């Protein structure tokens, strides 16, 4: 399952725009990547999105960025234990006093 199902990246001048999870985020290249800021248009557009959707890799620039960092969010991996704890905390039975 992809964390970020659809990603599109475009560049205009010194800005990079990322469209993911129905959100559009534009960042100044010099603040997130001096290497990408100095790259050619061809080098910038040569990117690969990881199969999981977590990251973007620019092979010609030997650079990686996490999508979460660009969006300003943090994902936590879900585990069976975490799901069980969350389910028990939010269930009405968990709120009843013990006898």
PDB file of N, CA and C in Angstrom:
ATOM      1  N   UNK A   1       0.832  -1.181   0.000  1.00  0.00           N
ATOM      2  CA  UNK A   1       0.000   0.000   0.000  1.00  0.00           C
ATOM      3  C   UNK A   1       0.878   1.247   0.000  1.00  0.00           C
ATOM      4  N   UNK A   2       0.585   2.173  -0.903  1.00  0.00           N
ATOM      5  CA  UNK A   2       1.347   3.410  -0.974  1.00  0.00           C
ATOM      6  C   UNK A   2       0.852   4.399   0.069  1.00  0.00           C
ATOM      7  N   UNK A   3       1.780   5.016   0.744  1.00  0.00           N
ATOM      8  CA  UNK A   3       1.431   6.021   1.744  1.00  0.00           C
ATOM      9  C   UNK A   3       0.892   7.269   1.066  1.00  0.00           C
ATOM     10  N   UNK A   4       1.532   7.686  -0.003  1.00  0.00           N
ATOM     11  CA  UNK A   4       1.099   8.845  -0.783  1.00  0.00           C
ATOM     12  C   UNK A   4       0.799   8.341  -2.189  1.00  0.00           C
ATOM     13  N   UNK A   5      -0.472   8.077  -2.501  1.00  0.00           N
ATOM     14  CA  UNK A   5      -0.817   7.390  -3.745  1.00  0.00           C
ATOM     15  C   UNK A   5      -0.466   8.105  -5.036  1.00  0.00           C
ATOM     16  N   UNK A   6      -0.625   9.390  -5.120  1.00  0.00           N
ATOM     17  CA  UNK A   6      -0.353  10.065  -6.393  1.00  0.00           C
ATOM     18  C   UNK A   6       0.510  11.281  -6.139  1.00  0.00           C
ATOM     19  N   UNK A   7       1.663  11.290  -6.726  1.00  0.00           N
ATOM     20  CA  UNK A   7       2.546  12.429  -6.579  1.00  0.00           C
ATOM     21  C   UNK A   7       2.907  12.984  -7.943  1.00  0.00           C
ATOM     22  N   UNK A   8       2.901  14.285  -8.035  1.00  0.00           N
ATOM     23  CA  UNK A   8       3.356  14.962  -9.249  1.00  0.00           C
ATOM     24  C   UNK A   8       4.299  16.065  -8.806  1.00  0.00           C
ATOM     25  N   UNK A   9       5.370  16.215  -9.531  1.00  0.00           N
ATOM     26  CA  UNK A   9       6.355  17.233  -9.206  1.00  0.00           C
ATOM     27  C   UNK A   9       6.568  18.092 -10.431  1.00  0.00           C
ATOM     28  N   UNK A  10       6.594  19.405 -10.212  1.00  0.00           N
ATOM     29  CA  UNK A  10       6.905  20.323 -11.306  1.00  0.00           C
ATOM     30  C   UNK A  10       7.839  21.402 -10.771  1.00  0.00           C
ATOM     31  N   UNK A  11       8.556  22.016 -11.686  1.00  0.00           N
ATOM     32  CA  UNK A  11       9.509  23.054 -11.332  1.00  0.00           C
ATOM     33  C   UNK A  11       9.216  24.296 -12.149  1.00  0.00           C
ATOM     34  N   UNK A  12       9.325  25.435 -11.497  1.00  0.00           N
ATOM     35  CA  UNK A  12       9.154  26.716 -12.174  1.00  0.00           C
ATOM     36  C   UNK A  12      10.135  27.690 -11.546  1.00  0.00           C
ATOM     37  N   UNK A  13      11.118  28.084 -12.339  1.00  0.00           N
ATOM     38  CA  UNK A  13      12.134  28.980 -11.794  1.00  0.00           C
ATOM     39  C   UNK A  13      12.865  28.324 -10.646  1.00  0.00           C
ATOM     40  N   UNK A  14      12.848  28.986  -9.486  1.00  0.00           N
ATOM     41  CA  UNK A  14      13.540  28.440  -8.319  1.00  0.00           C
ATOM     42  C   UNK A  14      12.580  27.757  -7.343  1.00  0.00           C
ATOM     43  N   UNK A  15      11.411  27.334  -7.854  1.00  0.00           N
ATOM     44  CA  UNK A  15      10.424  26.687  -6.993  1.00  0.00           C
ATOM     45  C   UNK A  15      10.085  25.278  -7.471  1.00  0.00           C
ATOM     46  N   UNK A  16       9.776  24.415  -6.501  1.00  0.00           N
ATOM     47  CA  UNK A  16       9.318  23.067  -6.784  1.00  0.00           C
ATOM     48  C   UNK A  16       7.909  22.939  -6.218  1.00  0.00           C
ATOM     49  N   UNK A  17       6.992  22.412  -7.028  1.00  0.00           N
ATOM     50  CA  UNK A  17       5.623  22.185  -6.579  1.00  0.00           C
ATOM     51  C   UNK A  17       5.364  20.691  -6.551  1.00  0.00           C
ATOM     52  N   UNK A  18       4.867  20.229  -5.423  1.00  0.00           N
ATOM     53  CA  UNK A  18       4.549  18.823  -5.214  1.00  0.00           C
ATOM     54  C   UNK A  18       3.049  18.715  -4.985  1.00  0.00           C
ATOM     55  N   UNK A  19       2.389  17.858  -5.757  1.00  0.00           N
ATOM     56  CA  UNK A  19       0.956  17.607  -5.574  1.00  0.00           C
ATOM     57  C   UNK A  19       0.813  16.171  -5.103  1.00  0.00           C
ATOM     58  N   UNK A  20       0.305  16.012  -3.893  1.00  0.00           N
ATOM     59  CA  UNK A  20       0.157  14.686  -3.297  1.00  0.00           C
ATOM     60  C   UNK A  20      -0.965  14.729  -2.270  1.00  0.00           C
ATOM     61  N   UNK A  21      -1.689  13.641  -2.147  1.00  0.00           N
ATOM     62  CA  UNK A  21      -2.795  13.559  -1.184  1.00  0.00           C
ATOM     63  C   UNK A  21      -3.763  14.730  -1.344  1.00  0.00           C
ATOM     64  N   UNK A  22      -4.008  15.132  -2.576  1.00  0.00           N
ATOM     65  CA  UNK A  22      -4.903  16.259  -2.887  1.00  0.00           C
ATOM     66  C   UNK A  22      -4.418  17.578  -2.299  1.00  0.00           C
ATOM     67  N   UNK A  23      -3.140  17.672  -2.025  1.00  0.00           N
ATOM     68  CA  UNK A  23      -2.545  18.908  -1.508  1.00  0.00           C
ATOM     69  C   UNK A  23      -1.490  19.393  -2.484  1.00  0.00           C
ATOM     70  N   UNK A  24      -1.373  20.696  -2.590  1.00  0.00           N
ATOM     71  CA  UNK A  24      -0.335  21.304  -3.421  1.00  0.00           C
ATOM     72  C   UNK A  24       0.596  22.085  -2.498  1.00  0.00           C
ATOM     73  N   UNK A  25       1.869  21.737  -2.545  1.00  0.00           N
ATOM     74  CA  UNK A  25       2.870  22.394  -1.716  1.00  0.00           C
ATOM     75  C   UNK A  25       3.957  22.935  -2.631  1.00  0.00           C
ATOM     76  N   UNK A  26       4.275  24.206  -2.474  1.00  0.00           N
ATOM     77  CA  UNK A  26       5.339  24.825  -3.256  1.00  0.00           C
ATOM     78  C   UNK A  26       6.445  25.267  -2.301  1.00  0.00           C
ATOM     79  N   UNK A  27       7.667  24.888  -2.632  1.00  0.00           N
ATOM     80  CA  UNK A  27       8.814  25.236  -1.793  1.00  0.00           C
ATOM     81  C   UNK A  27       9.896  25.876  -2.649  1.00  0.00           C
ATOM     82  N   UNK A  28      10.668  26.756  -2.028  1.00  0.00           N
ATOM     83  CA  UNK A  28      11.816  27.364  -2.703  1.00  0.00           C
ATOM     84  C   UNK A  28      12.943  26.333  -2.711  1.00  0.00           C
ATOM     85  N   UNK A  29      13.470  26.038  -3.875  1.00  0.00           N
ATOM     86  CA  UNK A  29      14.505  25.006  -3.999  1.00  0.00           C
ATOM     87  C   UNK A  29      15.726  25.294  -3.133  1.00  0.00           C
ATOM     88  N   UNK A  30      16.123  26.539  -3.049  1.00  0.00           N
ATOM     89  CA  UNK A  30      17.339  26.850  -2.293  1.00  0.00           C
ATOM     90  C   UNK A  30      17.191  26.513  -0.810  1.00  0.00           C
ATOM     91  N   UNK A  31      15.938  26.472  -0.301  1.00  0.00           N
ATOM     92  CA  UNK A  31      15.740  26.152   1.116  1.00  0.00           C
ATOM     93  C   UNK A  31      15.705  24.648   1.373  1.00  0.00           C
ATOM     94  N   UNK A  32      15.312  23.853   0.390  1.00  0.00           N
ATOM     95  CA  UNK A  32      15.242  22.400   0.594  1.00  0.00           C
ATOM     96  C   UNK A  32      16.377  21.641  -0.074  1.00  0.00           C
ATOM     97  N   UNK A  33      17.012  22.245  -1.081  1.00  0.00           N
ATOM     98  CA  UNK A  33      18.060  21.520  -1.788  1.00  0.00           C
ATOM     99  C   UNK A  33      18.896  22.442  -2.671  1.00  0.00           C
ATOM    100  N   UNK A  34      20.016  22.910  -2.165  1.00  0.00           N
ATOM    101  CA  UNK A  34      20.900  23.719  -3.012  1.00  0.00           C
ATOM    102  C   UNK A  34      21.340  22.962  -4.267  1.00  0.00           C
ATOM    103  N   UNK A  35      21.494  21.646  -4.144  1.00  0.00           N
ATOM    104  CA  UNK A  35      21.918  20.829  -5.289  1.00  0.00           C
ATOM    105  C   UNK A  35      20.847  20.849  -6.379  1.00  0.00           C
ATOM    106  N   UNK A  36      19.581  20.712  -5.981  1.00  0.00           N
ATOM    107  CA  UNK A  36      18.493  20.754  -6.956  1.00  0.00           C
ATOM    108  C   UNK A  36      18.306  22.163  -7.509  1.00  0.00           C
ATOM    109  N   UNK A  37      18.566  23.172  -6.695  1.00  0.00           N
ATOM    110  CA  UNK A  37      18.454  24.559  -7.155  1.00  0.00           C
ATOM    111  C   UNK A  37      19.455  24.829  -8.279  1.00  0.00           C
ATOM    112  N   UNK A  38      20.636  24.212  -8.201  1.00  0.00           N
ATOM    113  CA  UNK A  38      21.677  24.417  -9.210  1.00  0.00           C
ATOM    114  C   UNK A  38      21.568  23.446 -10.385  1.00  0.00           C
ATOM    115  N   UNK A  39      20.658  22.490 -10.308  1.00  0.00           N
ATOM    116  CA  UNK A  39      20.536  21.456 -11.346  1.00  0.00           C
ATOM    117  C   UNK A  39      19.868  21.989 -12.610  1.00  0.00           C
ATOM    118  N   UNK A  40      20.093  21.275 -13.705  1.00  0.00           N
ATOM    119  CA  UNK A  40      19.422  21.616 -14.961  1.00  0.00           C
ATOM    120  C   UNK A  40      17.968  21.140 -14.887  1.00  0.00           C
ATOM    121  N   UNK A  41      17.140  21.644 -15.790  1.00  0.00           N
ATOM    122  CA  UNK A  41      15.734  21.223 -15.845  1.00  0.00           C
ATOM    123  C   UNK A  41      15.640  19.715 -16.069  1.00  0.00           C
ATOM    124  N   UNK A  42      16.513  19.188 -16.922  1.00  0.00           N
ATOM    125  CA  UNK A  42      16.511  17.749 -17.202  1.00  0.00           C
ATOM    126  C   UNK A  42      16.851  16.948 -15.945  1.00  0.00           C
ATOM    127  N   UNK A  43      17.838  17.388 -15.187  1.00  0.00           N
ATOM    128  CA  UNK A  43      18.216  16.694 -13.956  1.00  0.00           C
ATOM    129  C   UNK A  43      17.091  16.747 -12.918  1.00  0.00           C
ATOM    130  N   UNK A  44      16.431  17.880 -12.812  1.00  0.00           N
ATOM    131  CA  UNK A  44      15.326  18.025 -11.851  1.00  0.00           C
ATOM    132  C   UNK A  44      14.168  17.089 -12.188  1.00  0.00           C
ATOM    133  N   UNK A  45      13.865  16.966 -13.476  1.00  0.00           N
ATOM    134  CA  UNK A  45      12.717  16.155 -13.895  1.00  0.00           C
ATOM    135  C   UNK A  45      13.016  14.656 -13.927  1.00  0.00           C
ATOM    136  N   UNK A  46      14.265  14.292 -13.762  1.00  0.00           N
ATOM    137  CA  UNK A  46      14.634  12.879 -13.712  1.00  0.00           C
ATOM    138  C   UNK A  46      14.556  12.412 -12.258  1.00  0.00           C
ATOM    139  N   UNK A  47      13.353  12.056 -11.820  1.00  0.00           N
ATOM    140  CA  UNK A  47      13.149  11.604 -10.444  1.00  0.00           C
ATOM    141  C   UNK A  47      12.375  10.296 -10.438  1.00  0.00           C
ATOM    142  N   UNK A  48      12.486   9.582  -9.332  1.00  0.00           N
ATOM    143  CA  UNK A  48      11.774   8.318  -9.139  1.00  0.00           C
ATOM    144  C   UNK A  48      11.052   8.384  -7.806  1.00  0.00           C
ATOM    145  N   UNK A  49       9.786   7.984  -7.793  1.00  0.00           N
ATOM    146  CA  UNK A  49       9.022   7.921  -6.551  1.00  0.00           C
ATOM    147  C   UNK A  49       9.128   6.498  -6.023  1.00  0.00           C
ATOM    148  N   UNK A  50       9.445   6.363  -4.753  1.00  0.00           N
ATOM    149  CA  UNK A  50       9.610   5.026  -4.177  1.00  0.00           C
ATOM    150  C   UNK A  50       8.308   4.241  -4.259  1.00  0.00           C
ATOM    151  N   UNK A  51       8.392   2.919  -4.362  1.00  0.00           N
ATOM    152  CA  UNK A  51       7.179   2.099  -4.457  1.00  0.00           C
ATOM    153  C   UNK A  51       6.214   2.313  -3.290  1.00  0.00           C
ATOM    154  N   UNK A  52       6.749   2.626  -2.108  1.00  0.00           N
ATOM    155  CA  UNK A  52       5.890   2.840  -0.940  1.00  0.00           C
ATOM    156  C   UNK A  52       5.255   4.227  -0.943  1.00  0.00           C
ATOM    157  N   UNK A  53       5.816   5.151  -1.739  1.00  0.00           N
ATOM    158  CA  UNK A  53       5.308   6.515  -1.766  1.00  0.00           C
ATOM    159  C   UNK A  53       5.926   7.403  -0.704  1.00  0.00           C
ATOM    160  N   UNK A  54       6.882   6.872   0.062  1.00  0.00           N
ATOM    161  CA  UNK A  54       7.501   7.656   1.131  1.00  0.00           C
ATOM    162  C   UNK A  54       8.546   8.644   0.632  1.00  0.00           C
ATOM    163  N   UNK A  55       9.219   8.325  -0.471  1.00  0.00           N
ATOM    164  CA  UNK A  55      10.342   9.164  -0.853  1.00  0.00           C
ATOM    165  C   UNK A  55      10.460   9.408  -2.338  1.00  0.00           C
ATOM    166  N   UNK A  56      11.299  10.389  -2.664  1.00  0.00           N
ATOM    167  CA  UNK A  56      11.592  10.759  -4.049  1.00  0.00           C
ATOM    168  C   UNK A  56      13.109  10.730  -4.198  1.00  0.00           C
ATOM    169  N   UNK A  57      13.574  10.135  -5.287  1.00  0.00           N
ATOM    170  CA  UNK A  57      15.012  10.021  -5.541  1.00  0.00           C
ATOM    171  C   UNK A  57      15.343  10.669  -6.875  1.00  0.00           C
ATOM    172  N   UNK A  58      16.403  11.480  -6.889  1.00  0.00           N
ATOM    173  CA  UNK A  58      16.929  12.090  -8.115  1.00  0.00           C
ATOM    174  C   UNK A  58      18.261  11.404  -8.402  1.00  0.00           C
ATOM    175  N   UNK A  59      18.282  10.403  -9.308  1.00  0.00           N
ATOM    176  CA  UNK A  59      19.504   9.632  -9.547  1.00  0.00           C
ATOM    177  C   UNK A  59      20.678  10.460 -10.062  1.00  0.00           C
ATOM    178  N   UNK A  60      20.428  11.391 -10.954  1.00  0.00           N
ATOM    179  CA  UNK A  60      21.538  12.192 -11.496  1.00  0.00           C
ATOM    180  C   UNK A  60      22.141  13.118 -10.446  1.00  0.00           C
ATOM    181  N   UNK A  61      21.349  13.467  -9.441  1.00  0.00           N
ATOM    182  CA  UNK A  61      21.828  14.365  -8.387  1.00  0.00           C
ATOM    183  C   UNK A  61      22.241  13.602  -7.133  1.00  0.00           C
ATOM    184  N   UNK A  62      21.997  12.275  -7.125  1.00  0.00           N
ATOM    185  CA  UNK A  62      22.258  11.435  -5.962  1.00  0.00           C
ATOM    186  C   UNK A  62      21.636  12.061  -4.712  1.00  0.00           C
ATOM    187  N   UNK A  63      20.341  12.332  -4.817  1.00  0.00           N
ATOM    188  CA  UNK A  63      19.636  13.013  -3.735  1.00  0.00           C
ATOM    189  C   UNK A  63      18.287  12.351  -3.480  1.00  0.00           C
ATOM    190  N   UNK A  64      17.919  12.295  -2.207  1.00  0.00           N
ATOM    191  CA  UNK A  64      16.639  11.728  -1.791  1.00  0.00           C
ATOM    192  C   UNK A  64      15.931  12.714  -0.869  1.00  0.00           C
ATOM    193  N   UNK A  65      14.604  12.731  -0.950  1.00  0.00           N
ATOM    194  CA  UNK A  65      13.787  13.548  -0.049  1.00  0.00           C
ATOM    195  C   UNK A  65      12.564  12.745   0.347  1.00  0.00           C
ATOM    196  N   UNK A  66      12.164  12.872   1.604  1.00  0.00           N
ATOM    197  CA  UNK A  66      10.933  12.206   2.032  1.00  0.00           C
ATOM    198  C   UNK A  66       9.753  13.104   1.685  1.00  0.00           C
ATOM    199  N   UNK A  67       8.684  12.489   1.227  1.00  0.00           N
ATOM    200  CA  UNK A  67       7.470  13.237   0.893  1.00  0.00           C
ATOM    201  C   UNK A  67       6.895  13.848   2.164  1.00  0.00           C
ATOM    202  N   UNK A  68       6.937  13.104   3.269  1.00  0.00           N
ATOM    203  CA  UNK A  68       6.422  13.621   4.536  1.00  0.00           C
ATOM    204  C   UNK A  68       7.109  14.932   4.917  1.00  0.00           C
ATOM    205  N   UNK A  69       8.430  14.981   4.783  1.00  0.00           N
ATOM    206  CA  UNK A  69       9.166  16.196   5.144  1.00  0.00           C
ATOM    207  C   UNK A  69       8.756  17.369   4.262  1.00  0.00           C
ATOM    208  N   UNK A  70       8.577  17.119   2.978  1.00  0.00           N
ATOM    209  CA  UNK A  70       8.163  18.191   2.073  1.00  0.00           C
ATOM    210  C   UNK A  70       6.751  18.677   2.386  1.00  0.00           C
ATOM    211  N   UNK A  71       5.891  17.767   2.865  1.00  0.00           N
ATOM    212  CA  UNK A  71       4.518  18.136   3.222  1.00  0.00           C
ATOM    213  C   UNK A  71       4.417  18.675   4.644  1.00  0.00           C
ATOM    214  N   UNK A  72       5.477  18.509   5.419  1.00  0.00           N
ATOM    215  CA  UNK A  72       5.453  18.973   6.802  1.00  0.00           C
ATOM    216  C   UNK A  72       4.634  18.084   7.719  1.00  0.00           C
ATOM    217  N   UNK A  73       4.627  16.769   7.430  1.00  0.00           N
ATOM    218  CA  UNK A  73       3.874  15.830   8.260  1.00  0.00           C
ATOM    219  C   UNK A  73       4.779  14.690   8.699  1.00  0.00           C
ATOM    220  N   UNK A  74       4.274  13.877   9.619  1.00  0.00           N
ATOM    221  CA  UNK A  74       5.040  12.718  10.070  1.00  0.00           C
ATOM    222  C   UNK A  74       4.110  11.521  10.139  1.00  0.00           C
ATOM    223  N   UNK A  75       4.473  10.457   9.449  1.00  0.00           N
ATOM    224  CA  UNK A  75       3.714   9.206   9.500  1.00  0.00           C
ATOM    225  C   UNK A  75       4.376   8.281  10.506  1.00  0.00           C
ATOM    226  N   UNK A  76       3.562   7.575  11.249  1.00  0.00           N
ATOM    227  CA  UNK A  76       4.068   6.539  12.143  1.00  0.00           C
ATOM    228  C   UNK A  76       3.652   5.194  11.569  1.00  0.00           C
ATOM    229  N   UNK A  77       4.568   4.254  11.544  1.00  0.00           N
ATOM    230  CA  UNK A  77       4.184   2.947  11.009  1.00  0.00           C
ATOM    231  C   UNK A  77       3.123   2.308  11.895  1.00  0.00           C
ATOM    232  N   UNK A  78       2.108   1.726  11.264  1.00  0.00           N
ATOM    233  CA  UNK A  78       1.047   1.070  12.022  1.00  0.00           C
ATOM    234  C   UNK A  78       1.452  -0.370  12.297  1.00  0.00           C
ATOM    235  N   UNK A  79       1.239  -0.769  13.528  1.00  0.00           N
ATOM    236  CA  UNK A  79       1.483  -2.153  13.909  1.00  0.00           C
ATOM    237  C   UNK A  79       0.201  -2.715  14.498  1.00  0.00           C
ATOM    238  N   UNK A  80       0.124  -4.016  14.567  1.00  0.00           N
ATOM    239  CA  UNK A  80      -1.053  -4.652  15.173  1.00  0.00           C
ATOM    240  C   UNK A  80      -1.204  -4.187  16.618  1.00  0.00           C
ATOM    241  N   UNK A  81      -0.084  -4.062  17.343  1.00  0.00           N
ATOM    242  CA  UNK A  81      -0.139  -3.626  18.733  1.00  0.00           C
ATOM    243  C   UNK A  81      -0.688  -2.207  18.836  1.00  0.00           C
ATOM    244  N   UNK A  82      -0.183  -1.291  18.014  1.00  0.00           N
ATOM    245  CA  UNK A  82      -0.649   0.100  18.048  1.00  0.00           C
ATOM    246  C   UNK A  82      -2.127   0.190  17.704  1.00  0.00           C
ATOM    247  N   UNK A  83      -2.568  -0.591  16.716  1.00  0.00           N
ATOM    248  CA  UNK A  83      -3.986  -0.581  16.348  1.00  0.00           C
ATOM    249  C   UNK A  83      -4.838  -1.116  17.492  1.00  0.00           C
ATOM    250  N   UNK A  84      -4.354  -2.156  18.185  1.00  0.00           N
ATOM    251  CA  UNK A  84      -5.087  -2.735  19.302  1.00  0.00           C
ATOM    252  C   UNK A  84      -5.204  -1.735  20.449  1.00  0.00           C
ATOM    253  N   UNK A  85      -4.116  -1.049  20.759  1.00  0.00           N
ATOM    254  CA  UNK A  85      -4.132  -0.048  21.827  1.00  0.00           C
ATOM    255  C   UNK A  85      -5.094   1.071  21.476  1.00  0.00           C
ATOM    256  N   UNK A  86      -5.020   1.587  20.256  1.00  0.00           N
ATOM    257  CA  UNK A  86      -5.911   2.671  19.832  1.00  0.00           C
ATOM    258  C   UNK A  86      -7.368   2.233  19.888  1.00  0.00           C
ATOM    259  N   UNK A  87      -7.637   1.010  19.481  1.00  0.00           N
ATOM    260  CA  UNK A  87      -9.005   0.493  19.491  1.00  0.00           C
ATOM    261  C   UNK A  87      -9.529   0.393  20.921  1.00  0.00           C
ATOM    262  N   UNK A  88      -8.702  -0.088  21.841  1.00  0.00           N
ATOM    263  CA  UNK A  88      -9.120  -0.231  23.234  1.00  0.00           C
ATOM    264  C   UNK A  88      -9.290   1.111  23.928  1.00  0.00           C
ATOM    265  N   UNK A  89      -8.471   2.068  23.586  1.00  0.00           N
ATOM    266  CA  UNK A  89      -8.575   3.390  24.207  1.00  0.00           C
ATOM    267  C   UNK A  89      -9.848   4.094  23.770  1.00  0.00           C
ATOM    268  N   UNK A  90     -10.224   3.934  22.523  1.00  0.00           N
ATOM    269  CA  UNK A  90     -11.384   4.663  22.007  1.00  0.00           C
ATOM    270  C   UNK A  90     -12.688   3.898  22.127  1.00  0.00           C
ATOM    271  N   UNK A  91     -12.637   2.654  22.594  1.00  0.00           N
ATOM    272  CA  UNK A  91     -13.882   1.893  22.694  1.00  0.00           C
ATOM    273  C   UNK A  91     -14.636   2.293  23.959  1.00  0.00           C
ATOM    274  N   UNK A  92     -15.981   2.309  23.914  1.00  0.00           N
ATOM    275  CA  UNK A  92     -16.767   2.670  25.092  1.00  0.00           C
ATOM    276  C   UNK A  92     -16.473   1.764  26.286  1.00  0.00           C
ATOM    277  N   UNK A  93     -16.191   0.498  26.038  1.00  0.00           N
ATOM    278  CA  UNK A  93     -15.901  -0.432  27.128  1.00  0.00           C
ATOM    279  C   UNK A  93     -14.666  -0.005  27.913  1.00  0.00           C
ATOM    280  N   UNK A  94     -13.724   0.618  27.251  1.00  0.00           N
ATOM    281  CA  UNK A  94     -12.503   1.059  27.920  1.00  0.00           C
ATOM    282  C   UNK A  94     -12.771   2.224  28.858  1.00  0.00           C
ATOM    283  N   UNK A  95     -13.883   2.915  28.673  1.00  0.00           N
ATOM    284  CA  UNK A  95     -14.207   4.084  29.486  1.00  0.00           C
ATOM    285  C   UNK A  95     -15.023   3.730  30.726  1.00  0.00           C
ATOM    286  N   UNK A  96     -15.541   2.514  30.798  1.00  0.00           N
ATOM    287  CA  UNK A  96     -16.362   2.110  31.942  1.00  0.00           C
ATOM    288  C   UNK A  96     -15.473   1.842  33.155  1.00  0.00           C
ATOM    289  N   UNK A  97     -15.943   2.239  34.339  1.00  0.00           N
ATOM    290  CA  UNK A  97     -15.147   1.941  35.539  1.00  0.00           C
ATOM    291  C   UNK A  97     -15.130   0.439  35.805  1.00  0.00           C
ATOM    292  N   UNK A  98     -14.030  -0.037  36.333  1.00  0.00           N
ATOM    293  CA  UNK A  98     -13.913  -1.459  36.683  1.00  0.00           C
ATOM    294  C   UNK A  98     -14.555  -1.698  38.038  1.00  0.00           C
ATOM    295  N   UNK A  99     -15.123  -2.879  38.217  1.00  0.00           N
ATOM    296  CA  UNK A  99     -15.754  -3.221  39.508  1.00  0.00           C
ATOM    297  C   UNK A  99     -14.965  -4.275  40.216  1.00  0.00           C
TER     298      UNK A  99
END
